Protein backbone atom coordinates (compact mmCIF):
# COMPACT_ATOMS: atom_id res chain seq x y z
CA MET A 1 -95.30 47.11 -16.46
CA ILE A 2 -92.93 46.04 -19.22
CA PRO A 3 -92.10 49.63 -20.29
CA ARG A 4 -91.36 50.52 -16.67
CA LEU A 5 -89.11 47.45 -16.32
CA ARG A 6 -87.29 48.43 -19.48
CA SER A 7 -86.75 51.92 -18.07
CA VAL A 8 -85.33 50.51 -14.87
CA ILE A 9 -82.99 48.20 -16.80
CA SER A 10 -81.84 51.05 -19.04
CA LEU A 11 -81.18 53.26 -16.02
CA PHE A 12 -79.22 50.51 -14.30
CA THR A 13 -77.17 49.91 -17.47
CA CYS A 14 -76.35 53.62 -17.74
CA ILE A 15 -75.23 53.73 -14.12
CA CYS A 16 -72.97 50.72 -14.67
CA LEU A 17 -71.45 52.26 -17.78
CA ILE A 18 -70.80 55.53 -15.94
CA ASN A 19 -69.15 53.69 -13.04
CA MET A 20 -67.01 51.68 -15.47
CA ALA A 21 -65.94 54.83 -17.29
CA SER A 22 -65.05 56.53 -14.00
CA ALA A 23 -63.01 53.54 -12.86
CA THR A 24 -61.22 53.39 -16.20
CA SER A 25 -60.36 57.08 -16.12
CA ALA A 26 -59.05 56.77 -12.55
CA ASN A 27 -56.92 53.73 -13.38
CA VAL A 28 -53.40 54.97 -14.10
CA GLY A 29 -51.56 51.69 -14.52
CA LEU A 30 -50.43 48.41 -13.04
CA VAL A 31 -47.91 47.35 -10.41
CA MET A 32 -46.12 44.01 -10.83
CA THR A 33 -43.94 42.22 -8.32
CA THR A 34 -42.64 38.73 -7.60
CA GLY A 35 -42.85 39.38 -3.88
CA GLU A 36 -45.16 41.42 -1.69
CA ILE A 37 -46.01 45.09 -2.03
CA GLN A 38 -48.34 47.49 -0.27
CA VAL A 39 -50.94 49.43 -2.23
CA ASP A 40 -52.88 51.98 -0.18
CA GLY A 41 -51.93 50.13 3.00
CA SER A 42 -53.04 46.68 1.80
CA SER A 43 -50.60 43.86 1.08
CA VAL A 44 -50.62 42.65 -2.52
CA ARG A 45 -48.81 39.80 -4.27
CA GLY A 46 -48.42 39.61 -8.03
CA ASN A 47 -50.28 42.23 -10.06
CA ALA A 48 -52.54 45.06 -8.92
CA ALA A 49 -54.22 47.97 -10.63
CA ILE A 50 -53.14 51.40 -9.40
CA PHE A 51 -55.34 54.48 -9.42
CA SER A 52 -54.73 58.21 -9.29
CA GLY A 53 -53.36 58.93 -5.80
CA SER A 54 -52.48 55.30 -5.00
CA ILE A 55 -49.61 54.93 -2.52
CA ILE A 56 -47.28 52.08 -3.47
CA ALA A 57 -44.61 50.87 -1.04
CA THR A 58 -42.06 48.17 -1.85
CA ARG A 59 -40.59 45.86 0.75
CA ASP A 60 -37.53 43.65 0.17
CA ARG A 61 -37.87 43.35 -3.62
CA SER A 62 -38.01 45.66 -6.61
CA SER A 63 -41.36 46.20 -8.30
CA ASN A 64 -42.39 47.44 -11.74
CA LEU A 65 -44.89 50.21 -12.38
CA ARG A 66 -46.46 50.27 -15.83
CA PHE A 67 -48.40 53.47 -16.48
CA SER A 68 -51.27 53.95 -18.89
CA ASP A 69 -49.21 56.57 -20.79
CA GLY A 70 -46.90 53.77 -21.99
CA THR A 71 -44.02 54.54 -19.61
CA ASN A 72 -42.75 52.36 -16.80
CA ALA A 73 -40.65 52.64 -13.66
CA VAL A 74 -38.71 50.36 -11.35
CA MET A 75 -39.15 50.90 -7.61
CA LYS A 76 -36.18 49.73 -5.57
CA PRO A 77 -36.75 47.97 -2.20
CA GLY A 78 -37.96 50.41 0.45
CA ALA A 79 -39.34 52.96 -2.03
CA ILE A 80 -42.66 54.76 -1.58
CA VAL A 81 -44.40 56.34 -4.59
CA VAL A 82 -47.71 58.15 -5.06
CA ALA A 83 -48.92 57.47 -8.60
CA TYR A 84 -50.81 59.89 -10.84
CA ARG A 85 -51.70 59.82 -14.52
CA GLU A 86 -49.09 62.34 -15.74
CA HIS A 87 -46.46 62.13 -13.00
CA SER A 88 -45.39 60.31 -9.85
CA MET A 89 -44.36 61.61 -6.44
CA LEU A 90 -41.37 59.90 -4.82
CA LYS A 91 -41.72 60.06 -1.05
CA GLN A 92 -38.87 57.73 -0.05
CA GLY A 93 -36.16 55.54 -1.56
CA VAL A 94 -35.07 55.10 -5.17
CA ILE A 95 -37.04 54.90 -8.40
CA MET A 96 -35.85 54.53 -11.98
CA GLN A 97 -38.29 56.23 -14.37
CA ARG A 98 -38.11 55.41 -18.06
CA ALA A 99 -39.31 58.06 -20.55
CA VAL A 100 -39.20 60.67 -17.82
CA ASP A 101 -39.80 63.23 -20.59
CA ARG A 102 -43.37 61.91 -20.74
CA HIS A 103 -43.88 60.92 -17.10
CA ALA A 104 -42.19 63.31 -14.69
CA VAL A 105 -41.23 62.55 -11.08
CA ILE A 106 -41.72 65.05 -8.25
CA ALA A 107 -39.47 64.68 -5.19
CA ASP A 108 -39.38 67.11 -2.26
CA GLY A 109 -40.96 69.90 -4.30
CA LEU A 110 -38.59 69.50 -7.27
CA LYS A 111 -39.78 68.22 -10.65
CA ILE A 112 -37.55 65.85 -12.63
CA SER A 113 -38.31 65.53 -16.33
CA GLY A 114 -36.49 64.56 -19.51
CA VAL A 115 -34.89 66.92 -22.01
CA THR A 116 -34.30 64.27 -24.67
CA PRO A 117 -36.87 61.68 -25.85
CA ASN A 118 -37.09 58.46 -23.84
CA ALA A 119 -34.70 59.74 -21.19
CA ILE A 120 -34.13 57.49 -18.17
CA ALA A 121 -33.59 59.07 -14.75
CA LEU A 122 -32.71 57.53 -11.42
CA ILE A 123 -34.12 59.55 -8.53
CA GLY A 124 -33.52 59.00 -4.83
CA VAL A 125 -34.96 60.64 -1.71
CA ARG A 126 -32.45 60.28 1.10
CA ASP A 127 -34.48 62.26 3.66
CA PRO A 128 -37.12 65.04 3.59
CA SER A 129 -34.59 67.65 2.43
CA HIS A 130 -32.06 65.73 0.30
CA ILE A 131 -32.63 64.21 -3.13
CA GLU A 132 -30.30 62.87 -5.80
CA VAL A 133 -30.83 62.62 -9.56
CA ALA A 134 -28.78 60.61 -12.04
CA ALA A 135 -29.33 60.83 -15.80
CA GLN A 136 -28.86 57.23 -16.84
CA GLU A 137 -29.81 57.63 -20.50
CA GLY A 138 -30.54 60.92 -22.25
CA GLU A 139 -30.50 64.34 -20.58
CA SER A 140 -32.70 65.11 -17.59
CA ALA A 141 -33.82 68.44 -16.14
CA VAL A 142 -34.72 69.51 -12.61
CA TRP A 143 -37.22 72.34 -12.04
CA THR A 144 -38.22 74.30 -8.95
CA SER A 145 -41.84 74.63 -7.87
CA ASN A 146 -41.71 78.18 -9.26
CA GLY A 147 -41.09 76.78 -12.74
CA ASN A 148 -37.43 77.80 -12.84
CA LEU A 149 -34.96 75.46 -14.53
CA LEU A 150 -32.62 74.43 -11.74
CA ALA A 151 -30.28 71.95 -13.41
CA ARG A 152 -29.63 70.05 -16.62
CA ILE A 153 -27.98 66.67 -16.06
CA ASP A 154 -25.99 65.01 -18.83
CA PRO A 155 -26.05 61.21 -19.26
CA GLY A 156 -23.88 59.47 -16.69
CA LYS A 157 -23.85 62.45 -14.32
CA THR A 158 -25.36 62.66 -10.82
CA LEU A 159 -26.35 65.76 -8.85
CA SER A 160 -27.49 66.00 -5.25
CA PHE A 161 -29.89 68.68 -4.02
CA ALA A 162 -30.15 69.88 -0.43
CA VAL A 163 -33.26 71.93 0.31
CA ASN A 164 -32.64 74.16 3.33
CA GLU A 165 -34.80 76.79 4.97
CA ALA A 166 -33.62 80.31 4.18
CA ALA A 167 -36.19 82.58 5.80
CA GLY A 168 -35.73 86.24 4.95
CA ALA A 169 -33.82 85.56 1.73
CA PRO A 170 -35.11 87.03 -1.54
CA ALA A 171 -37.13 84.66 -3.68
CA ASN A 172 -35.37 83.40 -6.84
CA GLY A 173 -31.93 84.33 -5.48
CA VAL A 174 -29.11 82.48 -7.21
CA ARG A 175 -25.33 82.00 -7.08
CA LEU A 176 -23.57 80.92 -10.27
CA SER A 177 -20.03 80.31 -11.48
CA GLY A 178 -18.63 79.84 -14.97
CA ILE A 179 -17.07 81.60 -17.94
CA LEU A 180 -18.86 84.73 -19.14
CA ARG A 181 -19.51 84.56 -22.88
CA PRO A 182 -20.61 87.23 -25.40
CA HIS A 183 -24.11 88.61 -24.85
CA TYR A 184 -23.42 88.09 -21.14
CA LEU A 185 -24.27 84.40 -21.25
CA LEU A 186 -23.01 82.18 -18.44
CA THR A 187 -23.46 78.42 -18.09
CA ASP A 188 -23.23 77.42 -14.44
CA GLU A 189 -20.49 74.82 -13.89
CA ILE A 190 -22.54 72.73 -11.49
CA THR A 191 -26.09 72.86 -12.83
CA ASN A 192 -25.26 73.13 -16.56
CA VAL A 193 -27.98 75.77 -16.93
CA THR A 194 -27.34 78.85 -19.08
CA TYR A 195 -28.38 82.30 -17.85
CA GLN A 196 -28.17 85.75 -19.38
CA LEU A 197 -26.69 88.25 -16.94
CA GLN A 198 -28.02 91.75 -16.58
CA GLY A 199 -25.90 94.36 -14.79
CA ALA A 200 -23.22 97.02 -15.04
CA ASP A 201 -19.51 96.55 -15.83
CA LEU A 202 -19.90 93.06 -17.32
CA GLU A 203 -18.23 93.80 -20.66
CA PRO A 204 -14.62 93.67 -19.34
CA LEU A 205 -15.33 90.25 -17.80
CA ILE A 206 -16.23 88.47 -21.04
CA GLY A 207 -14.00 85.41 -21.35
CA ALA A 208 -13.20 85.38 -17.63
CA SER A 209 -14.20 82.82 -15.03
CA ILE A 210 -16.55 84.55 -12.58
CA GLU A 211 -18.86 83.92 -9.65
CA VAL A 212 -22.16 85.80 -9.63
CA THR A 213 -24.94 86.33 -7.13
CA GLY A 214 -28.24 87.78 -8.25
CA THR A 215 -31.95 87.27 -8.80
CA VAL A 216 -33.67 85.28 -11.54
CA LEU A 217 -35.99 87.69 -13.37
CA GLY A 218 -37.50 85.62 -16.12
CA GLY A 219 -37.02 83.99 -19.47
CA ASN A 220 -39.06 81.14 -20.92
CA PRO A 221 -38.04 77.96 -19.08
CA SER A 222 -39.87 75.78 -21.60
CA SER A 223 -37.71 76.94 -24.52
CA SER A 224 -34.06 77.58 -25.32
CA VAL A 225 -34.34 81.20 -24.18
CA PRO A 226 -32.09 81.58 -21.11
CA GLN A 227 -33.44 82.91 -17.85
CA VAL A 228 -32.32 86.44 -17.02
CA VAL A 229 -30.37 87.12 -13.81
CA ALA A 230 -30.09 90.60 -12.35
CA VAL A 231 -26.55 90.67 -10.96
CA SER A 232 -26.06 91.95 -7.43
CA SER A 233 -22.37 91.02 -7.10
CA VAL A 234 -19.68 89.52 -9.32
CA THR A 235 -16.23 88.17 -8.48
CA LYS A 236 -13.50 87.28 -10.96
CA LEU A 237 -12.06 83.85 -10.19
CA ASN A 238 -8.51 82.61 -10.67
CA PRO A 239 -8.73 80.06 -13.52
CA ASN A 240 -5.33 78.56 -12.67
CA LEU A 241 -6.44 77.84 -9.13
CA ALA A 242 -9.69 76.32 -10.34
CA ALA A 243 -7.82 74.08 -12.79
CA ALA A 244 -5.42 72.95 -10.06
CA ASP A 245 -8.33 72.02 -7.80
CA GLY A 246 -9.84 69.95 -10.59
CA GLN A 247 -6.56 68.09 -11.24
CA GLN A 248 -6.28 67.16 -7.59
CA GLY A 249 -9.56 65.30 -7.89
CA GLY A 250 -11.23 67.18 -5.07
CA ALA A 251 -15.00 67.37 -4.80
CA ALA A 252 -16.56 70.12 -6.87
CA PRO A 253 -17.84 73.04 -4.81
CA ALA A 254 -21.55 73.20 -4.21
CA GLY A 255 -23.56 75.70 -6.21
CA GLN A 256 -26.66 77.58 -5.16
CA GLY A 257 -29.73 77.23 -7.33
CA PRO A 258 -32.81 79.45 -7.22
CA LEU A 259 -34.73 79.83 -3.99
CA PHE A 260 -38.39 78.89 -3.98
CA ASN A 261 -41.46 79.12 -1.78
CA LYS A 262 -42.55 75.99 0.03
CA SER A 263 -45.42 76.35 2.49
CA SER A 264 -44.88 80.12 2.58
CA ILE A 265 -41.23 79.68 3.64
CA ILE A 266 -38.27 80.50 1.41
CA PHE A 267 -36.08 77.45 0.82
CA LEU A 268 -32.56 77.44 -0.60
CA ILE A 269 -31.48 74.67 -2.94
CA VAL A 270 -27.80 73.75 -2.72
CA VAL A 271 -26.58 71.67 -5.66
CA ALA A 272 -23.48 69.48 -5.61
CA VAL A 273 -21.90 66.90 -7.91
CA GLY A 274 -22.42 63.25 -7.03
CA GLY A 275 -24.30 61.69 -4.17
CA THR A 276 -24.24 58.77 -1.76
CA LEU A 277 -27.66 57.24 -2.35
CA LEU A 278 -27.22 56.91 -6.10
CA GLY A 279 -23.51 56.15 -6.02
CA LEU A 280 -24.17 52.57 -7.10
CA ALA A 281 -26.38 53.80 -9.93
CA ALA A 282 -23.67 56.13 -11.23
CA ALA A 283 -21.29 53.14 -11.24
CA GLY A 284 -23.72 51.20 -13.41
CA VAL A 285 -24.87 48.73 -10.75
CA PHE A 286 -28.53 49.43 -11.50
CA SER A 287 -29.55 48.28 -14.96
CA SER A 288 -31.73 50.44 -17.18
CA SER A 289 -33.90 47.40 -17.87
CA PRO A 290 -36.91 46.72 -15.66
CA SER A 291 -36.39 44.06 -13.02
CA PRO A 292 -37.55 40.62 -14.14
CA ALA A 293 -40.89 40.64 -12.36
CA THR A 294 -43.07 37.89 -13.82
CA PRO A 295 -46.69 39.02 -14.21
CA ALA A 296 -49.00 36.89 -12.17
CA THR A 297 -52.48 36.01 -13.32
CA PRO A 298 -55.03 37.84 -11.15
């Protein structure tokens, strides 16, 4: 009888340990707020554990997310985030992610990560097809779902991205503008991404300001090797006219980033300088420090 009882107790202990290990592995962090927040549809006040796939929605106050990877984020009022161990998905509103180089944010199919260590990015979803990204500290990068580097954002700069359906367009199509350098290198004026052009009659254009349309062929987006663009058309721009436009303070023209597949439909990403949702962030209204949410004792 006693040996059987011991076996039952041992089995029960093992089951408890397995359940505890599973819960621990699924726990991805903690949400803290001084007000009320929704976690998976339930109202929560104070602190709450968040798990992989948890849906967190703020109300009229900011809330802090502290992830198990040591990073943290500030959710502005009205934001909705789906939390995972290695990244978050922003569904609505504004989030400020610290150390975005270690904890990326995905918004409307685009991945926002950090280029420099401990980079801080402010990301906003205005509607299902418009997002904005501001690099508050350090340099941030935006990637397409195909793994193409779409934009590099310097500290203090903001870019807006409009994702529009472009059925029938070739995948990875791109439109760039900038000064052609030796080895046919061109850094796009809007996205700050460097490409290597491949095509005929490029040699006479070195040193000139040009606009190029083409297709992204490859390159290693995880390294300093530029992506290769097969040029389909090239136009030489008037540098004096471009300089005059810049001196007048007009809005920079929108650039076209790579196209990508989203639910079997080709979508075109239009990139422009600045944005409305993160205008306050670019002006320094949002601090890079987490909001002063006082942890509550569970």
